[in-house]
Protein backbone atom coordinates (compact mmCIF):
# COMPACT_ATOMS: atom_id res chain seq x y z
CA MET A 1 -9.13 -16.70 -8.52
CA GLY A 2 -8.42 -13.00 -8.98
CA HIS A 3 -8.63 -10.72 -11.98
CA THR A 4 -8.72 -7.02 -12.73
CA GLY A 5 -12.12 -5.42 -12.93
CA ALA A 6 -13.39 -2.72 -15.25
CA ASP A 7 -13.80 -0.26 -12.38
CA GLY A 8 -10.12 -0.01 -11.49
CA GLY A 9 -10.20 -2.78 -8.92
CA ILE A 10 -9.13 -6.35 -8.40
CA GLU A 11 -11.87 -8.94 -8.05
CA ALA A 12 -11.73 -12.44 -6.57
CA PHE A 13 -14.11 -15.23 -7.48
CA SER A 14 -14.78 -18.62 -5.92
CA SER A 15 -13.28 -21.47 -7.92
CA ARG A 16 -16.15 -23.67 -6.70
CA ASP A 17 -19.20 -21.71 -7.82
CA GLY A 18 -17.92 -18.55 -9.52
CA ARG A 19 -19.47 -16.10 -7.08
CA GLN A 20 -17.62 -12.89 -6.36
CA LEU A 21 -15.77 -13.05 -3.05
CA TRP A 22 -14.56 -9.45 -2.95
CA ASN A 23 -13.66 -6.39 -5.01
CA ALA A 24 -10.72 -4.25 -3.91
CA ALA A 25 -11.19 -0.79 -5.38
CA ILE A 26 -7.66 0.56 -5.69
CA GLY A 27 -8.27 3.39 -8.14
CA GLU A 28 -9.56 4.28 -11.56
CA PRO A 29 -6.48 3.28 -13.53
CA PHE A 30 -5.93 0.45 -15.94
CA ILE A 31 -4.66 -2.49 -13.93
CA LYS A 32 -2.47 -5.09 -15.53
CA ALA A 33 -1.07 -8.50 -14.84
CA PRO A 34 -1.98 -9.54 -11.32
CA SER A 35 0.15 -12.33 -9.85
CA LEU A 36 -0.60 -14.44 -6.77
CA ALA A 37 1.91 -15.73 -4.22
CA ASP A 38 1.71 -16.59 -0.52
CA GLY A 39 -1.84 -15.30 -0.13
CA ARG A 40 -1.11 -11.92 -1.69
CA ILE A 41 -1.86 -10.45 -5.11
CA GLY A 42 0.69 -8.15 -6.70
CA THR A 43 -0.10 -5.99 -9.70
CA TYR A 44 0.88 -2.78 -11.39
CA LEU A 45 -1.37 0.06 -12.42
CA VAL A 46 -1.18 2.46 -15.34
CA LEU A 47 -2.41 5.87 -14.19
CA PRO A 48 -3.14 8.99 -16.21
CA GLY A 49 -0.39 11.56 -15.79
CA GLY A 50 0.07 15.21 -16.63
CA SER A 51 0.24 16.38 -20.25
CA GLY A 52 -1.45 13.23 -21.55
CA GLY A 53 1.27 10.92 -20.22
CA VAL A 54 1.02 8.07 -17.75
CA HIS A 55 2.78 6.95 -14.61
CA TYR A 56 2.90 3.60 -12.89
CA ARG A 57 2.12 2.18 -9.46
CA VAL A 58 2.75 -1.23 -7.95
CA ALA A 59 0.23 -2.52 -5.40
CA VAL A 60 -0.15 -5.58 -3.18
CA VAL A 61 -3.53 -6.82 -1.95
CA GLN A 62 -4.27 -9.53 0.61
CA ALA A 63 -5.86 -12.35 -1.40
CA ALA A 64 -8.22 -13.67 1.30
CA GLU A 65 -10.10 -10.42 1.97
CA GLY A 66 -9.04 -7.98 -0.75
CA LYS A 67 -7.43 -5.58 1.70
CA LEU A 68 -4.96 -3.18 0.07
CA LEU A 69 -1.66 -3.70 1.90
CA TRP A 70 0.34 -0.98 0.13
CA GLN A 71 0.98 0.82 -3.15
CA ARG A 72 3.98 2.76 -4.49
CA ASP A 73 4.50 4.96 -7.55
CA PHE A 74 7.48 4.46 -9.84
CA SER A 75 8.65 5.74 -13.21
CA GLY A 76 9.39 3.90 -16.41
CA PHE A 77 7.36 2.02 -19.00
CA VAL A 78 6.19 -1.47 -17.99
CA GLU A 79 5.34 -4.28 -20.40
CA GLN A 80 5.95 -7.37 -18.27
CA PRO A 81 3.92 -8.33 -15.19
CA PRO A 82 5.49 -8.13 -11.75
CA GLN A 83 6.72 -11.40 -10.28
CA MET A 84 6.53 -12.32 -6.61
CA GLU A 85 8.93 -14.70 -4.94
CA GLY A 86 8.97 -15.05 -1.19
CA ASP A 87 8.76 -11.57 0.30
CA VAL A 88 9.95 -9.77 -2.84
CA ILE A 89 7.95 -8.41 -5.77
CA TYR A 90 10.07 -7.71 -8.84
CA VAL A 91 8.83 -4.99 -11.19
CA PRO A 92 10.56 -4.73 -14.59
CA SER A 93 10.40 -1.36 -16.31
CA ASP A 94 11.93 -0.22 -19.58
CA ASP A 95 15.26 0.80 -18.06
CA GLU A 96 15.46 -0.79 -14.61
CA LEU A 97 14.39 -3.68 -12.43
CA LEU A 98 12.87 -2.73 -9.09
CA ALA A 99 12.49 -4.99 -6.06
CA PHE A 100 9.98 -4.14 -3.33
CA SER A 101 9.24 -5.88 -0.05
CA VAL A 102 5.86 -7.61 -0.38
CA SER A 103 5.23 -7.09 3.35
CA ASP A 104 5.55 -3.31 3.55
CA GLY A 105 6.31 -1.93 0.07
CA MET A 106 9.81 -0.74 0.94
CA LEU A 107 12.04 -0.39 -2.11
CA LEU A 108 14.78 -2.99 -1.54
CA TRP A 109 16.87 -2.18 -4.60
CA ARG A 110 16.77 -0.96 -8.17
CA HIS A 111 19.09 -2.05 -10.93
CA GLN A 112 19.62 -0.20 -14.20
CA VAL A 113 19.30 -2.48 -17.22
CA VAL A 114 20.47 -2.02 -20.78
CA LEU A 115 18.37 -3.65 -23.47
CA ARG A 116 20.29 -5.02 -26.40
CA GLN A 117 18.89 -4.48 -29.87
């Protein structure tokens, strides 16, 4: 089982006895909404930005050892967790949907969305 730690990392714990298996320190930001698929954990990070703002980063970590595979910055406000399906991690932001390759972090596509009120 994985979860986000207070130190800006992702932690994994044994489901059998609860002991910590690893802690992947991937920064000092606030990490939100990790999701697990095919032995990898995908999450997004909220990082402090200039002038009191924030910016966002998506990251993928190998679940077995906690090795950071890649991370990429992107813009936009994120409320929903990323979703992984096969080799794609989908990251919804306030005005677009981004799709990254889980394997290497390459941006596959981005699609502008219009929210109806």
